[in-house]
N, C-alpha and C. Protein backbone atom coordinates (compact mmCIF):
# COMPACT_ATOMS: atom_id res chain seq x y z
N MET A 1 39.21 -4.85 10.52
CA MET A 1 37.80 -5.24 10.43
C MET A 1 37.58 -5.97 9.11
N ILE A 2 37.14 -7.19 9.20
CA ILE A 2 36.87 -7.98 8.01
C ILE A 2 35.37 -8.21 7.91
N LEU A 3 34.84 -7.86 6.77
CA LEU A 3 33.40 -8.03 6.54
C LEU A 3 33.15 -9.31 5.78
N GLY A 4 32.10 -10.02 6.16
CA GLY A 4 31.70 -11.19 5.40
C GLY A 4 30.80 -10.78 4.25
N ILE A 5 30.35 -11.76 3.52
CA ILE A 5 29.47 -11.50 2.37
C ILE A 5 28.21 -10.75 2.82
N ILE A 6 27.68 -11.13 3.98
CA ILE A 6 26.47 -10.46 4.48
C ILE A 6 26.76 -9.00 4.77
N GLY A 7 27.92 -8.70 5.35
CA GLY A 7 28.29 -7.32 5.63
C GLY A 7 28.43 -6.49 4.37
N TYR A 8 29.06 -7.06 3.35
CA TYR A 8 29.20 -6.35 2.08
C TYR A 8 27.84 -6.09 1.46
N GLY A 9 26.97 -7.11 1.53
CA GLY A 9 25.63 -6.96 0.98
C GLY A 9 24.85 -5.84 1.67
N ALA A 10 25.01 -5.75 2.98
CA ALA A 10 24.32 -4.70 3.74
C ALA A 10 24.81 -3.32 3.33
N ILE A 11 26.12 -3.21 3.13
CA ILE A 11 26.70 -1.92 2.70
C ILE A 11 26.14 -1.53 1.33
N VAL A 12 26.13 -2.48 0.41
CA VAL A 12 25.64 -2.19 -0.94
C VAL A 12 24.16 -1.85 -0.91
N ARG A 13 23.37 -2.59 -0.13
CA ARG A 13 21.93 -2.29 -0.02
C ARG A 13 21.71 -0.89 0.54
N GLN A 14 22.48 -0.53 1.57
CA GLN A 14 22.33 0.80 2.15
C GLN A 14 22.68 1.87 1.12
N ALA A 15 23.77 1.68 0.40
CA ALA A 15 24.18 2.66 -0.61
C ALA A 15 23.14 2.75 -1.73
N LEU A 16 22.62 1.61 -2.18
CA LEU A 16 21.59 1.62 -3.22
C LEU A 16 20.34 2.36 -2.76
N SER A 17 20.01 2.21 -1.48
CA SER A 17 18.80 2.87 -0.98
C SER A 17 18.94 4.39 -0.98
N MET A 18 20.17 4.88 -1.09
CA MET A 18 20.40 6.32 -1.08
C MET A 18 20.37 6.93 -2.49
N LEU A 19 20.27 6.08 -3.51
CA LEU A 19 20.13 6.56 -4.89
C LEU A 19 18.69 7.00 -5.12
N SER A 20 18.48 7.81 -6.15
CA SER A 20 17.11 8.16 -6.52
C SER A 20 16.42 6.88 -7.02
N PRO A 21 15.10 6.82 -6.94
CA PRO A 21 14.40 5.62 -7.42
C PRO A 21 14.74 5.26 -8.87
N ALA A 22 14.85 6.25 -9.74
CA ALA A 22 15.15 5.99 -11.16
C ALA A 22 16.56 5.43 -11.31
N GLU A 23 17.52 6.03 -10.60
CA GLU A 23 18.91 5.55 -10.67
C GLU A 23 19.00 4.13 -10.13
N ARG A 24 18.37 3.89 -9.00
CA ARG A 24 18.42 2.57 -8.38
C ARG A 24 17.81 1.52 -9.31
N ALA A 25 16.65 1.80 -9.87
CA ALA A 25 15.97 0.84 -10.74
C ALA A 25 16.82 0.53 -11.97
N ALA A 26 17.34 1.56 -12.61
CA ALA A 26 18.14 1.35 -13.82
C ALA A 26 19.42 0.58 -13.51
N LEU A 27 20.10 0.93 -12.42
CA LEU A 27 21.35 0.27 -12.07
C LEU A 27 21.13 -1.19 -11.70
N VAL A 28 20.10 -1.46 -10.91
CA VAL A 28 19.80 -2.85 -10.52
C VAL A 28 19.44 -3.69 -11.75
N MET A 29 18.61 -3.14 -12.62
CA MET A 29 18.24 -3.89 -13.82
C MET A 29 19.46 -4.16 -14.70
N TRP A 30 20.35 -3.19 -14.82
CA TRP A 30 21.52 -3.32 -15.69
C TRP A 30 22.57 -4.25 -15.07
N GLU A 31 22.99 -3.93 -13.85
CA GLU A 31 24.12 -4.63 -13.23
C GLU A 31 23.73 -5.97 -12.60
N MET A 32 22.59 -6.04 -11.96
CA MET A 32 22.24 -7.24 -11.21
C MET A 32 21.34 -8.20 -11.97
N GLU A 33 20.46 -7.64 -12.78
CA GLU A 33 19.53 -8.49 -13.53
C GLU A 33 20.01 -8.76 -14.95
N GLY A 34 21.02 -8.01 -15.39
CA GLY A 34 21.59 -8.23 -16.72
C GLY A 34 20.65 -7.88 -17.87
N ARG A 35 19.74 -6.96 -17.62
CA ARG A 35 18.80 -6.58 -18.68
C ARG A 35 19.48 -5.69 -19.71
N SER A 36 18.93 -5.69 -20.91
CA SER A 36 19.47 -4.86 -21.99
C SER A 36 18.95 -3.42 -21.85
N THR A 37 19.60 -2.53 -22.56
CA THR A 37 19.17 -1.14 -22.58
C THR A 37 17.73 -1.04 -23.05
N LYS A 38 17.41 -1.80 -24.07
CA LYS A 38 16.06 -1.78 -24.63
C LYS A 38 15.02 -2.26 -23.60
N GLU A 39 15.34 -3.33 -22.87
CA GLU A 39 14.41 -3.84 -21.86
C GLU A 39 14.20 -2.82 -20.73
N ILE A 40 15.28 -2.20 -20.30
CA ILE A 40 15.17 -1.21 -19.22
C ILE A 40 14.36 -0.01 -19.68
N ALA A 41 14.62 0.44 -20.90
CA ALA A 41 13.89 1.59 -21.44
C ALA A 41 12.39 1.30 -21.46
N LYS A 42 12.04 0.11 -21.90
CA LYS A 42 10.62 -0.26 -21.95
C LYS A 42 10.02 -0.30 -20.55
N GLU A 43 10.73 -0.91 -19.61
CA GLU A 43 10.25 -1.04 -18.23
C GLU A 43 10.06 0.33 -17.56
N LEU A 44 11.02 1.25 -17.78
CA LEU A 44 10.98 2.55 -17.13
C LEU A 44 10.23 3.61 -17.94
N GLY A 45 9.89 3.27 -19.18
CA GLY A 45 9.16 4.22 -20.02
C GLY A 45 10.02 5.40 -20.47
N ILE A 46 11.30 5.13 -20.72
CA ILE A 46 12.22 6.17 -21.19
C ILE A 46 12.94 5.67 -22.43
N ASN A 47 13.65 6.55 -23.13
CA ASN A 47 14.36 6.09 -24.33
C ASN A 47 15.70 5.47 -23.93
N GLU A 48 16.30 4.75 -24.87
CA GLU A 48 17.52 3.99 -24.59
C GLU A 48 18.70 4.88 -24.21
N SER A 49 18.82 6.04 -24.82
CA SER A 49 19.93 6.92 -24.46
C SER A 49 19.77 7.43 -23.03
N SER A 50 18.53 7.61 -22.59
CA SER A 50 18.29 8.02 -21.20
C SER A 50 18.68 6.91 -20.23
N VAL A 51 18.48 5.66 -20.63
CA VAL A 51 18.90 4.53 -19.79
C VAL A 51 20.40 4.58 -19.57
N ARG A 52 21.16 4.74 -20.66
CA ARG A 52 22.62 4.78 -20.54
C ARG A 52 23.07 5.95 -19.66
N HIS A 53 22.43 7.08 -19.81
CA HIS A 53 22.77 8.25 -19.00
C HIS A 53 22.42 8.00 -17.53
N THR A 54 21.26 7.42 -17.28
CA THR A 54 20.82 7.16 -15.91
C THR A 54 21.74 6.14 -15.23
N VAL A 55 22.13 5.10 -15.93
CA VAL A 55 23.04 4.10 -15.36
C VAL A 55 24.40 4.75 -15.06
N SER A 56 24.89 5.56 -15.95
CA SER A 56 26.16 6.25 -15.73
C SER A 56 26.08 7.16 -14.51
N ARG A 57 25.00 7.91 -14.42
CA ARG A 57 24.80 8.81 -13.29
C ARG A 57 24.68 8.01 -11.99
N ALA A 58 24.00 6.87 -12.04
CA ALA A 58 23.83 6.02 -10.86
C ALA A 58 25.17 5.47 -10.38
N ARG A 59 26.02 5.06 -11.32
CA ARG A 59 27.35 4.56 -10.94
C ARG A 59 28.17 5.65 -10.26
N THR A 60 28.11 6.86 -10.80
CA THR A 60 28.83 7.99 -10.21
C THR A 60 28.30 8.28 -8.81
N SER A 61 26.98 8.29 -8.67
CA SER A 61 26.36 8.54 -7.37
C SER A 61 26.73 7.45 -6.37
N LEU A 62 26.71 6.20 -6.81
CA LEU A 62 27.03 5.08 -5.93
C LEU A 62 28.48 5.17 -5.45
N ARG A 63 29.41 5.50 -6.35
CA ARG A 63 30.82 5.68 -5.95
C ARG A 63 30.94 6.79 -4.91
N ARG A 64 30.24 7.89 -5.14
CA ARG A 64 30.29 9.01 -4.19
C ARG A 64 29.74 8.59 -2.83
N ILE A 65 28.60 7.92 -2.82
CA ILE A 65 27.98 7.47 -1.58
C ILE A 65 28.92 6.53 -0.83
N LEU A 66 29.49 5.56 -1.54
CA LEU A 66 30.38 4.59 -0.90
C LEU A 66 31.66 5.25 -0.38
N SER A 67 32.10 6.32 -1.05
CA SER A 67 33.31 7.01 -0.59
C SER A 67 33.03 7.91 0.61
N GLU A 68 31.77 8.21 0.86
CA GLU A 68 31.40 9.06 2.00
C GLU A 68 30.87 8.27 3.18
N LEU A 69 30.56 6.99 2.97
CA LEU A 69 30.00 6.13 4.00
C LEU A 69 31.14 5.57 4.85
N VAL A 70 31.33 6.12 6.05
CA VAL A 70 32.43 5.71 6.92
C VAL A 70 32.05 4.41 7.62
N ILE A 71 32.91 3.41 7.48
CA ILE A 71 32.67 2.09 8.06
C ILE A 71 33.52 1.89 9.32
N ASP A 72 34.74 2.39 9.28
CA ASP A 72 35.67 2.22 10.40
C ASP A 72 36.26 3.58 10.73
N GLU A 73 35.64 4.25 11.72
CA GLU A 73 36.07 5.60 12.07
C GLU A 73 37.50 5.63 12.60
N ALA A 74 37.89 4.62 13.36
CA ALA A 74 39.22 4.60 13.96
C ALA A 74 40.31 4.64 12.89
N ARG A 75 40.09 3.92 11.81
CA ARG A 75 41.08 3.90 10.72
C ARG A 75 40.71 4.83 9.58
N GLY A 76 39.54 5.47 9.66
CA GLY A 76 39.12 6.39 8.60
C GLY A 76 38.78 5.70 7.30
N LEU A 77 38.27 4.46 7.39
CA LEU A 77 37.95 3.70 6.19
C LEU A 77 36.51 3.91 5.77
N THR A 78 36.33 4.09 4.47
CA THR A 78 34.99 4.22 3.92
C THR A 78 34.55 2.88 3.32
N ALA A 79 33.29 2.79 2.96
CA ALA A 79 32.78 1.58 2.33
C ALA A 79 33.54 1.29 1.04
N LEU A 80 33.88 2.33 0.31
CA LEU A 80 34.61 2.13 -0.94
C LEU A 80 35.99 1.54 -0.70
N ASP A 81 36.62 1.90 0.41
CA ASP A 81 37.92 1.33 0.75
C ASP A 81 37.80 -0.17 1.04
N LEU A 82 36.70 -0.59 1.61
CA LEU A 82 36.54 -1.97 2.03
C LEU A 82 35.95 -2.90 0.98
N LEU A 83 35.31 -2.34 -0.02
CA LEU A 83 34.67 -3.21 -1.03
C LEU A 83 35.61 -3.58 -2.12
């Protein structure tokens, strides 16, 4: 099973939707928007060390979600295997 860019995007969107709102917001701002820790802290109303902790926790949660999201049952492949 080969996924195109749209398929990968759908997998990532689904996994992101399973994060808590705070984790999702911090991760998207950091990884996708390229915002600084200071900018994210201001936007979310938290301190900078909390931003770093939230992003770290979000990455861990995202890896767990992707490793549990089965994409190909016949071969036992998870989203993490395919990305």
